[in-house]
Protein backbone atom coordinates (compact mmCIF):
# COMPACT_ATOMS: atom_id res chain seq x y z
CA MET A 1 0.00 0.00 0.00
CA THR A 2 1.16 3.54 -0.71
CA THR A 3 -0.25 6.98 0.06
CA ASP A 4 1.19 8.25 -3.21
CA THR A 5 -1.39 10.53 -4.86
CA ALA A 6 0.10 9.87 -8.33
CA LEU A 7 -1.49 6.41 -8.19
CA VAL A 8 1.76 4.79 -9.32
CA CYS A 9 2.51 1.22 -8.22
CA PRO A 10 6.10 0.23 -7.47
CA SER A 11 7.94 -2.65 -9.11
CA VAL A 12 9.51 -5.73 -7.57
CA ARG A 13 12.78 -7.35 -8.58
CA TYR A 14 13.18 -11.06 -7.86
CA THR A 15 15.17 -14.07 -9.04
CA LEU A 16 13.52 -17.15 -10.56
CA GLY A 17 15.86 -19.89 -11.76
CA PRO A 18 18.90 -18.28 -13.40
CA ALA A 19 17.07 -15.04 -14.28
CA ARG A 20 16.62 -11.89 -12.24
CA ALA A 21 14.08 -9.41 -13.56
CA VAL A 22 11.81 -6.50 -12.60
CA PHE A 23 8.02 -6.91 -12.51
CA PRO A 24 5.55 -4.02 -12.08
CA MET A 25 2.88 -4.42 -9.43
CA HIS A 26 -0.79 -4.28 -10.43
CA ARG A 27 -3.02 -1.52 -9.06
CA VAL A 28 -6.05 -2.87 -7.17
CA SER A 29 -7.58 0.34 -5.84
CA THR A 30 -7.03 4.08 -5.78
CA PRO A 31 -7.40 6.53 -2.89
CA THR A 32 -10.92 7.29 -1.69
CA PRO A 33 -10.32 9.99 0.90
CA SER A 34 -10.59 10.40 3.65
CA GLN A 35 -11.03 6.90 5.05
CA PHE A 36 -8.78 5.10 2.56
CA PRO A 37 -6.22 7.64 1.21
CA THR A 38 -4.13 4.86 -0.32
CA THR A 39 -3.23 3.17 -3.55
CA VAL A 40 -3.30 -0.61 -3.12
CA CYS A 41 -1.05 -2.69 -5.37
CA GLU A 42 -0.37 -6.41 -5.62
CA LEU A 43 1.81 -8.86 -7.49
CA GLY A 44 1.62 -12.63 -7.85
CA VAL A 45 5.07 -14.18 -7.40
CA PRO A 46 5.69 -17.78 -8.55
CA LEU A 47 6.82 -20.43 -6.08
CA GLY A 48 10.59 -20.84 -6.23
CA ALA A 49 11.30 -17.13 -6.62
CA PHE A 50 13.68 -15.59 -4.09
CA ASP A 51 15.42 -12.35 -3.11
CA ALA A 52 12.39 -10.15 -3.81
CA VAL A 53 12.93 -6.44 -3.23
CA LEU A 54 11.00 -3.27 -4.02
CA VAL A 55 12.83 -1.35 -6.73
CA GLN A 56 14.02 1.87 -5.14
CA SER A 57 13.47 4.07 -8.19
CA THR A 58 9.79 3.04 -8.44
CA VAL A 59 8.87 3.65 -4.80
CA GLN A 60 6.97 6.93 -4.51
CA ALA A 61 6.26 6.90 -0.77
CA ALA A 62 8.46 8.95 1.52
CA VAL A 63 8.59 6.14 4.08
CA VAL A 64 9.00 2.49 3.09
CA HIS A 65 8.30 -0.53 5.30
CA PRO A 66 10.33 -2.62 5.68
CA ALA A 67 13.14 -0.10 5.37
CA ASN A 68 15.38 -2.54 3.46
CA ARG A 69 12.56 -3.04 0.88
CA GLN A 70 13.12 -6.83 1.14
CA LEU A 71 9.89 -8.84 0.75
CA PRO A 72 9.44 -12.25 2.43
CA LEU A 73 8.78 -15.18 0.10
CA PRO A 74 8.10 -18.86 0.80
CA HIS A 75 11.11 -21.03 1.68
CA TRP A 76 9.35 -24.23 0.66
CA THR A 77 9.05 -25.91 -2.73
CA GLY A 78 6.14 -27.76 -4.32
CA THR A 79 7.15 -30.95 -2.52
CA THR A 80 8.36 -29.61 0.84
CA ARG A 81 6.48 -27.70 3.51
CA PRO A 82 7.09 -24.94 6.07
CA ARG A 83 9.29 -26.03 8.97
CA THR A 84 8.14 -23.45 11.52
CA ILE A 85 4.67 -21.86 11.60
CA GLY A 86 3.75 -19.02 13.94
CA VAL A 87 0.08 -18.75 14.95
CA ILE A 88 -1.41 -15.52 16.33
CA GLY A 89 -4.95 -14.26 16.81
CA ASP A 90 -7.13 -11.52 18.33
CA THR A 91 -4.33 -9.00 18.19
CA GLY A 92 -5.90 -5.51 18.11
CA CYS A 93 -5.80 -2.96 20.93
CA ARG A 94 -9.22 -2.79 22.59
CA VAL A 95 -10.46 0.80 22.82
CA THR A 96 -14.15 1.57 23.43
CA THR A 97 -16.20 4.54 24.57
CA ALA A 98 -17.43 2.68 27.65
CA GLY A 99 -14.09 1.05 28.58
CA PRO A 100 -12.20 -0.43 30.28
CA ASN A 101 -9.54 0.05 27.65
CA GLN A 102 -6.08 -1.26 27.02
CA ASP A 103 -3.15 1.15 27.17
CA CYS A 104 -2.11 0.98 23.53
CA ALA A 105 1.11 2.88 24.23
CA ASP A 106 2.24 0.43 26.93
CA HIS A 107 3.58 -2.70 25.25
CA GLN A 108 4.69 -4.30 28.51
CA THR A 109 1.53 -4.53 30.58
CA GLY A 110 -1.01 -2.71 28.41
CA TRP A 111 -1.14 -3.98 24.83
CA PRO A 112 1.59 -6.59 24.24
CA PHE A 113 0.96 -7.41 20.58
CA PRO A 114 4.02 -5.45 19.33
CA ARG A 115 6.19 -7.45 21.76
CA ILE A 116 4.51 -10.69 20.70
CA ALA A 117 5.09 -9.93 17.01
CA ASN A 118 8.76 -9.15 17.69
CA SER A 119 9.14 -12.32 19.76
CA ALA A 120 7.53 -14.50 17.09
CA ALA A 121 9.70 -12.89 14.40
CA MET A 122 12.83 -13.86 16.34
CA ARG A 123 11.84 -17.50 15.92
CA HIS A 124 12.23 -17.04 12.13
CA PRO A 125 8.99 -18.72 11.09
CA ASP A 126 8.59 -19.84 7.48
CA LEU A 127 4.88 -18.99 7.65
CA VAL A 128 2.55 -17.06 9.96
CA ILE A 129 -1.16 -17.83 10.36
CA HIS A 130 -3.42 -15.12 11.80
CA VAL A 131 -6.79 -16.52 12.92
CA GLY A 132 -8.68 -13.22 12.86
CA ASP A 133 -9.64 -10.05 14.77
CA TYR A 134 -7.24 -7.28 13.82
CA LEU A 135 -9.14 -4.02 14.40
CA TYR A 136 -10.32 -3.33 17.93
CA ARG A 137 -10.33 0.50 18.05
CA ASP A 138 -14.07 1.05 18.32
CA ASP A 139 -13.42 4.60 19.61
CA PRO A 140 -9.92 5.68 18.50
CA GLY A 141 -10.24 8.95 20.38
CA GLN A 142 -9.97 7.02 23.65
CA ALA A 143 -6.62 5.45 22.70
CA THR A 144 -3.44 6.37 24.55
CA ASP A 145 -1.24 6.38 21.44
CA THR A 146 -3.13 8.86 19.23
CA ALA A 147 -0.03 11.05 18.87
CA ALA A 148 1.70 8.18 17.10
CA ASN A 149 -1.27 7.53 14.83
CA PRO A 150 -2.41 10.70 13.02
CA GLY A 151 -5.65 9.98 11.22
CA CYS A 152 -6.72 7.42 13.82
CA THR A 153 -7.94 9.76 16.53
CA THR A 154 -11.73 10.16 16.24
CA PRO A 155 -14.78 7.86 16.07
CA ALA A 156 -15.08 8.73 12.38
CA ASP A 157 -11.63 7.23 11.80
CA ARG A 158 -12.70 3.94 13.34
CA PHE A 159 -11.79 1.67 10.43
CA SER A 160 -9.64 4.00 8.37
CA TRP A 161 -6.29 3.19 6.79
CA ALA A 162 -4.60 4.96 9.70
CA CYS A 163 -6.32 2.69 12.22
CA VAL A 164 -5.42 -0.42 10.22
CA VAL A 165 -1.81 0.78 10.43
CA ALA A 166 -2.13 1.48 14.16
CA ASP A 167 -3.76 -1.83 15.06
CA PHE A 168 -1.98 -4.21 12.69
CA PHE A 169 0.59 -3.10 10.13
CA ARG A 170 2.79 -1.06 12.48
CA PRO A 171 2.82 -3.40 15.52
CA ALA A 172 3.25 -6.48 13.28
CA GLU A 173 5.92 -4.91 11.09
CA SER A 174 8.82 -7.09 12.27
CA LEU A 175 6.80 -10.27 11.79
CA LEU A 176 5.46 -9.24 8.37
CA ALA A 177 9.05 -8.64 7.27
CA VAL A 178 10.26 -12.19 7.93
CA ALA A 179 7.54 -14.53 6.64
CA PRO A 180 4.49 -14.82 4.39
CA VAL A 181 1.23 -14.45 6.33
CA ALA A 182 -2.06 -16.31 5.83
CA LEU A 183 -5.05 -14.36 7.17
CA THR A 184 -8.66 -15.22 7.95
CA ARG A 185 -11.40 -12.76 8.89
CA GLY A 186 -12.60 -12.26 12.47
CA ASN A 187 -15.92 -11.02 13.79
CA HIS A 188 -14.43 -7.54 14.29
CA GLU A 189 -14.05 -7.41 10.50
CA ASP A 190 -17.64 -8.35 9.66
CA CYS A 191 -20.18 -6.12 7.89
CA ARG A 192 -22.22 -4.90 10.83
CA THR A 193 -22.83 -1.17 11.08
CA PRO A 194 -21.22 0.77 13.95
CA PRO A 195 -21.71 1.20 16.85
CA ALA A 196 -22.13 -2.59 16.93
CA THR A 197 -19.02 -4.64 17.69
CA GLY A 198 -17.48 -5.44 14.35
CA GLY A 199 -18.03 -3.41 11.21
CA ALA A 200 -14.48 -3.28 9.83
CA GLY A 201 -15.44 -5.34 6.80
CA ALA A 202 -14.73 -2.62 4.23
CA ALA A 203 -11.20 -2.20 5.59
CA TRP A 204 -10.75 -5.99 5.59
CA PHE A 205 -11.70 -6.32 1.93
CA ARG A 206 -9.57 -3.35 0.93
CA TYR A 207 -6.34 -4.28 2.72
CA LEU A 208 -6.30 -7.81 4.15
CA ALA A 209 -8.60 -10.21 2.26
CA ASP A 210 -7.38 -12.87 -0.16
CA ASP A 211 -9.39 -11.15 -2.90
CA LEU A 212 -8.86 -7.41 -2.42
CA ARG A 213 -11.63 -5.01 -3.42
CA ALA A 214 -11.71 -1.42 -4.60
CA ASP A 215 -15.42 -0.61 -4.23
CA GLY A 216 -15.84 -0.59 -0.43
CA SER A 217 -18.24 -3.55 -0.55
CA CYS A 218 -18.58 -6.07 2.26
CA ASP A 219 -20.06 -9.60 2.23
CA GLN A 220 -21.02 -11.48 5.38
CA TYR A 221 -20.12 -14.83 3.82
CA THR A 222 -17.23 -15.59 1.48
CA ASP A 223 -16.11 -18.84 -0.10
CA PRO A 224 -13.42 -21.00 1.54
CA VAL A 225 -9.88 -20.38 0.35
CA GLU A 226 -7.17 -22.97 -0.28
CA ILE A 227 -3.56 -21.85 0.20
CA ARG A 228 -0.89 -24.28 -0.95
CA ALA A 229 2.18 -24.13 1.27
CA GLY A 230 4.05 -26.77 -0.69
CA ALA A 231 3.11 -30.22 0.62
CA LEU A 232 0.97 -28.62 3.35
CA HIS A 233 -2.35 -27.09 2.31
CA LEU A 234 -4.20 -24.49 4.34
CA LEU A 235 -7.98 -24.23 4.12
CA SER A 236 -9.54 -20.99 5.37
CA VAL A 237 -13.23 -20.74 6.30
CA ASP A 238 -14.70 -17.29 6.89
CA SER A 239 -16.59 -17.70 10.19
CA SER A 240 -16.62 -13.99 11.03
CA PHE A 241 -20.43 -13.84 11.05
CA ALA A 242 -21.11 -17.32 12.46
CA ASP A 243 -23.64 -16.99 15.30
CA PRO A 244 -22.82 -13.28 15.75
CA ALA A 245 -24.34 -13.11 19.24
CA ASP A 246 -22.51 -16.28 20.36
CA SER A 247 -25.88 -17.50 21.61
CA GLY A 248 -25.68 -21.07 20.34
CA SER A 249 -28.00 -20.33 17.42
CA LEU A 250 -28.04 -22.93 14.63
CA ALA A 251 -29.83 -20.72 12.10
CA GLN A 252 -26.86 -20.56 9.73
CA GLN A 253 -26.19 -24.30 9.66
CA ALA A 254 -27.09 -24.78 5.98
CA ILE A 255 -24.80 -21.93 4.92
CA TYR A 256 -21.79 -23.35 6.74
CA THR A 257 -22.56 -26.92 5.70
CA GLN A 258 -21.99 -25.74 2.11
CA GLN A 259 -18.72 -24.16 3.23
CA PHE A 260 -17.46 -27.36 4.83
CA GLU A 261 -18.62 -29.44 1.86
CA ALA A 262 -16.31 -27.26 -0.25
CA VAL A 263 -13.49 -27.75 2.28
CA ASN A 264 -13.90 -31.53 2.15
CA ARG A 265 -13.90 -31.48 -1.65
CA ALA A 266 -10.70 -29.44 -1.70
CA ALA A 267 -9.03 -31.78 0.78
CA GLY A 268 -10.25 -34.81 -1.17
CA GLN A 269 -8.49 -33.63 -4.31
CA HIS A 270 -5.15 -34.17 -2.57
CA PRO A 271 -5.57 -37.38 -0.53
CA GLY A 272 -1.89 -37.77 0.31
CA THR A 273 -1.45 -34.18 1.47
CA ASP A 274 -1.98 -32.82 4.99
CA HIS A 275 -4.40 -29.91 5.42
CA PHE A 276 -4.75 -27.43 8.28
CA LEU A 277 -8.17 -25.78 8.59
CA PHE A 278 -8.05 -22.27 10.01
CA THR A 279 -11.08 -20.18 10.86
CA HIS A 280 -11.75 -17.45 13.40
CA LYS A 281 -14.45 -19.10 15.50
CA PRO A 282 -13.54 -22.51 16.92
CA LEU A 283 -15.50 -25.62 16.08
CA TRP A 284 -15.07 -27.34 19.46
CA MET A 285 -13.28 -25.07 21.94
CA VAL A 286 -14.39 -25.83 25.54
CA ARG A 287 -15.14 -22.58 27.35
CA SER A 288 -16.46 -24.15 30.57
CA ALA A 289 -16.36 -27.73 31.85
CA GLY A 290 -19.89 -27.39 33.19
CA PRO A 291 -21.82 -29.49 33.91
CA PRO A 292 -22.84 -29.54 31.15
CA PRO A 293 -19.74 -28.43 29.22
CA ARG A 294 -20.10 -25.14 27.34
CA TRP A 295 -18.27 -25.01 24.03
CA VAL A 296 -18.07 -22.92 20.86
CA THR A 297 -19.26 -22.80 18.09
CA PRO A 298 -22.23 -25.24 17.81
CA VAL A 299 -23.40 -23.95 14.42
CA LEU A 300 -20.01 -24.75 12.88
CA ASP A 301 -19.92 -28.17 14.53
CA ARG A 302 -23.44 -28.97 13.26
CA ALA A 303 -22.47 -27.75 9.80
CA VAL A 304 -19.51 -30.14 9.71
CA ALA A 305 -21.73 -33.00 10.91
CA GLY A 306 -24.21 -32.16 8.15
CA THR A 307 -21.69 -32.65 5.33
CA THR A 308 -21.74 -35.70 3.10
CA LEU A 309 -18.86 -37.17 5.10
CA GLY A 310 -20.42 -36.11 8.39
CA ARG A 311 -16.98 -35.00 9.57
CA PRO A 312 -13.87 -33.20 8.26
CA ALA A 313 -11.93 -35.06 5.59
CA ASN A 314 -9.36 -37.48 7.01
CA ASN A 315 -6.39 -35.45 5.81
CA ILE A 316 -7.49 -32.34 7.73
CA ARG A 317 -5.04 -32.77 10.59
CA THR A 318 -5.96 -29.92 12.92
CA VAL A 319 -8.22 -26.87 13.25
CA LEU A 320 -6.66 -23.50 14.17
CA SER A 321 -8.95 -20.77 15.53
CA GLY A 322 -9.15 -17.72 17.80
CA HIS A 323 -12.09 -15.63 19.10
CA VAL A 324 -11.87 -16.82 22.71
CA HIS A 325 -9.00 -14.95 24.37
CA LEU A 326 -6.87 -17.80 25.62
CA TYR A 327 -4.78 -20.75 24.44
CA GLN A 328 -6.29 -24.21 24.30
CA MET A 329 -5.61 -27.52 22.58
CA ILE A 330 -8.18 -30.31 22.83
CA ASP A 331 -8.28 -33.60 20.94
CA PHE A 332 -10.63 -36.58 20.77
CA ASN A 333 -8.33 -39.41 19.59
CA THR A 334 -10.74 -40.04 16.68
CA THR A 335 -11.01 -38.95 13.06
CA ARG A 336 -12.13 -35.53 14.37
CA PRO A 337 -9.07 -33.27 14.19
CA PRO A 338 -7.72 -31.54 17.31
CA GLN A 339 -8.96 -28.01 17.97
CA VAL A 340 -6.25 -25.45 18.73
CA THR A 341 -7.45 -22.03 19.91
CA VAL A 342 -4.96 -19.15 19.75
CA GLY A 343 -6.90 -16.03 20.73
CA PHE A 344 -4.49 -14.46 23.22
CA SER A 345 -2.08 -12.38 21.14
CA GLY A 346 -3.04 -8.88 22.22
CA GLY A 347 -6.76 -8.24 22.56
CA ASP A 348 -8.21 -7.76 26.03
CA PRO A 349 -9.90 -8.92 28.22
CA LEU A 350 -8.23 -12.32 28.48
CA ASP A 351 -10.29 -15.38 29.39
CA GLN A 352 -9.48 -17.80 32.18
CA GLY A 353 -10.73 -21.02 30.63
CA PRO A 354 -11.62 -24.29 32.36
CA ASN A 355 -9.58 -26.61 34.55
CA ASP A 356 -8.18 -29.20 32.13
CA ALA A 357 -8.81 -32.11 34.50
CA ASP A 358 -12.51 -31.22 34.45
CA VAL A 359 -12.63 -31.13 30.64
CA ILE A 360 -11.16 -34.56 29.91
CA GLY A 361 -13.88 -37.11 29.21
CA LYS A 362 -16.60 -34.48 28.71
CA PRO A 363 -18.79 -34.93 25.60
CA VAL A 364 -18.39 -32.31 22.89
CA GLY A 365 -19.70 -31.93 19.35
CA THR A 366 -22.09 -33.73 17.00
CA PRO A 367 -22.09 -36.63 17.45
CA THR A 368 -20.72 -36.15 20.93
CA GLN A 369 -17.19 -37.37 21.50
CA PRO A 370 -15.34 -37.31 24.84
CA VAL A 371 -12.33 -35.00 25.11
CA ASN A 372 -9.11 -37.03 25.17
CA HIS A 373 -6.52 -34.33 25.96
CA SER A 374 -7.01 -30.74 27.13
CA VAL A 375 -4.26 -28.13 27.53
CA THR A 376 -5.56 -24.67 28.47
CA GLN A 377 -3.69 -21.49 29.40
CA GLY A 378 -5.68 -18.42 30.39
CA ARG A 379 -4.96 -14.92 31.67
CA VAL A 380 -1.59 -14.79 29.84
CA PHE A 381 -0.87 -13.22 26.43
CA GLY A 382 1.16 -15.04 23.81
CA TYR A 383 1.34 -16.98 20.56
CA ALA A 384 1.76 -20.56 19.33
CA ILE A 385 4.42 -22.27 17.26
CA LEU A 386 4.11 -25.41 15.13
CA ASN A 387 7.50 -26.98 14.40
CA ARG A 388 7.95 -29.72 11.82
CA ASN A 389 9.49 -32.75 13.58
CA ASN A 390 10.20 -36.19 12.07
CA GLY A 391 7.24 -36.15 9.72
CA THR A 392 4.76 -34.54 12.12
CA TRP A 393 4.33 -31.34 14.15
CA ASP A 394 5.24 -30.15 17.65
CA LEU A 395 2.91 -27.52 19.13
CA THR A 396 4.08 -25.07 21.81
CA SER A 397 2.58 -22.02 23.50
CA HIS A 398 4.80 -19.00 24.16
CA ASP A 399 4.46 -15.91 26.32
CA PRO A 400 5.47 -12.44 25.03
CA THR A 401 9.13 -13.08 25.96
CA GLY A 402 9.18 -16.21 23.82
CA THR A 403 9.33 -18.57 26.79
CA VAL A 404 7.53 -21.88 26.26
CA ARG A 405 4.62 -22.21 28.68
CA GLY A 406 3.30 -25.63 29.58
CA GLN A 407 3.72 -28.80 27.59
CA THR A 408 5.05 -29.54 24.12
CA CYS A 409 2.41 -31.53 22.24
CA THR A 410 3.25 -33.74 19.24
CA LEU A 411 0.62 -34.43 16.60
CA SER A 412 0.02 -38.11 15.85
CA VAL A 413 0.86 -39.44 12.39
CA SER A 414 -2.37 -41.46 12.27
CA THR A 415 -5.36 -39.92 10.49
CA ALA A 416 -7.76 -42.42 12.07
CA GLN A 417 -6.89 -41.39 15.63
CA LYS A 418 -5.86 -37.74 15.52
CA GLN A 419 -4.41 -36.56 18.79
CA PHE A 420 -1.55 -34.67 20.38
CA THR A 421 0.78 -36.45 22.80
CA CYS A 422 1.96 -33.92 25.35
CA HIS A 423 5.05 -33.91 27.58
C-alpha cells in the first residue's frame, strides 16, 4: 500500500531460476479519501522465486516498510512444507467509549501485541497464520497512542487506513518482514454497522482479504480459500459472522454446511497431502467444563456434521482458531481433528478457561465425543508455534518473551486417531 497521490505502483525485482528481472505491481484500488487515502497494489510471485525487493526508483512513498525493501517469500518448494509456523490471533488494541480500555502505548503490561510480534519474528517462522480479529479501536479517540497515529484519533476514523496501520501493520511490522502471512477474517471485521461490535469489513476487503476489493463492498459470507504451502495445504473458512451473538443459534447451519462441503472437496483432491483448517471461531473449543460443558461454536460443529462425510476429511489434521481470548488444545483421539485455539495475542480482556482435568472425558460436538486431551492457558498473552518434527508437528505455547509455557504436544501421524501427545 502507498499513500502516493500519483497512483503509481512500485515494481519488484526477484530471481527465478537463473534469471533476475523486474516486474511491475498491479493496481487494485485508488485513494478514496478520507477513510482510505491509499493506492493498493499487488503482485503474484511464482513459487521458487527468491530475493524479492522493491525497486528503489519506483517507490513513490516517503517512508517504506520494511526499510530494506526486502519482501518475504516462501522457503518451501512444491514438494516440501514450512518447517516453523507461527500462529497468532485476536491482536488488536481494545479501545471503546465505555471502557475499560487497554493502554495501547504500553507494550509491557497494556497492549503486548508489538512485543509478541517481535518475539515471534525472532523464531524465524517460514509462515505465519493469523486466525482473525485485527481491528479493535471502536473509539480511536480514547486510545493512549493517538499522537503516534495521526488519522486514527476520532470515532469517524474507526476503520480508516490509519487505524489499520495502528492496530496491525505497524505493531506487526517485524513479523510481516520475515515470513508470508495467511489471514482469515474475524468477527471484528464483519459487515455490521457501527456502533455494533465489528463493522471493519470494508477495511478488511480493501487491505487484508485474499481477494482485495476497490469498491468498499462487504459480504457477510465468502467462499473457503485454499492456500498451498508446498506439501501442506491451508484451508480458510470465513466464520466472522457465524452466530454473531454467540448465543448457540443454529440458524446458519445450511450456509456453513456448504462451506465445509467445499473444504472436504478441496481436501479430497489431494488425498496424500496434509491440510490445516483455520477459521476465526472454533468448532469445538471448551469454554467451561460445566456441567454440562459449554463449548463454541455449535453452528459450525453442526455444519460439519451435516456434510456428506459427516466430519472433516481425514487429511485435515488440525483446526486453528481464535475468538476466545486464551490458548487451548483439545483432541478426541478419533477422526475428528484436534482443535487449537490461539486467541491471546493482544486483545483484552483475556479469558481464564476451564480446569483441564474437568474437561477430559466431557462430551463435545455432534455426534458427541469425549475429550481425550485438554491443555488450556488463560490470563496470559502469547502466541503458538508449530514446528515440523520427524514427519509430524510439535505444538508449543509462548508468552510475550518467547518462553515456552506448559507442555510440548506432538501431533500423531495417524489420520484415524488424531491426537496430540503432550510432555
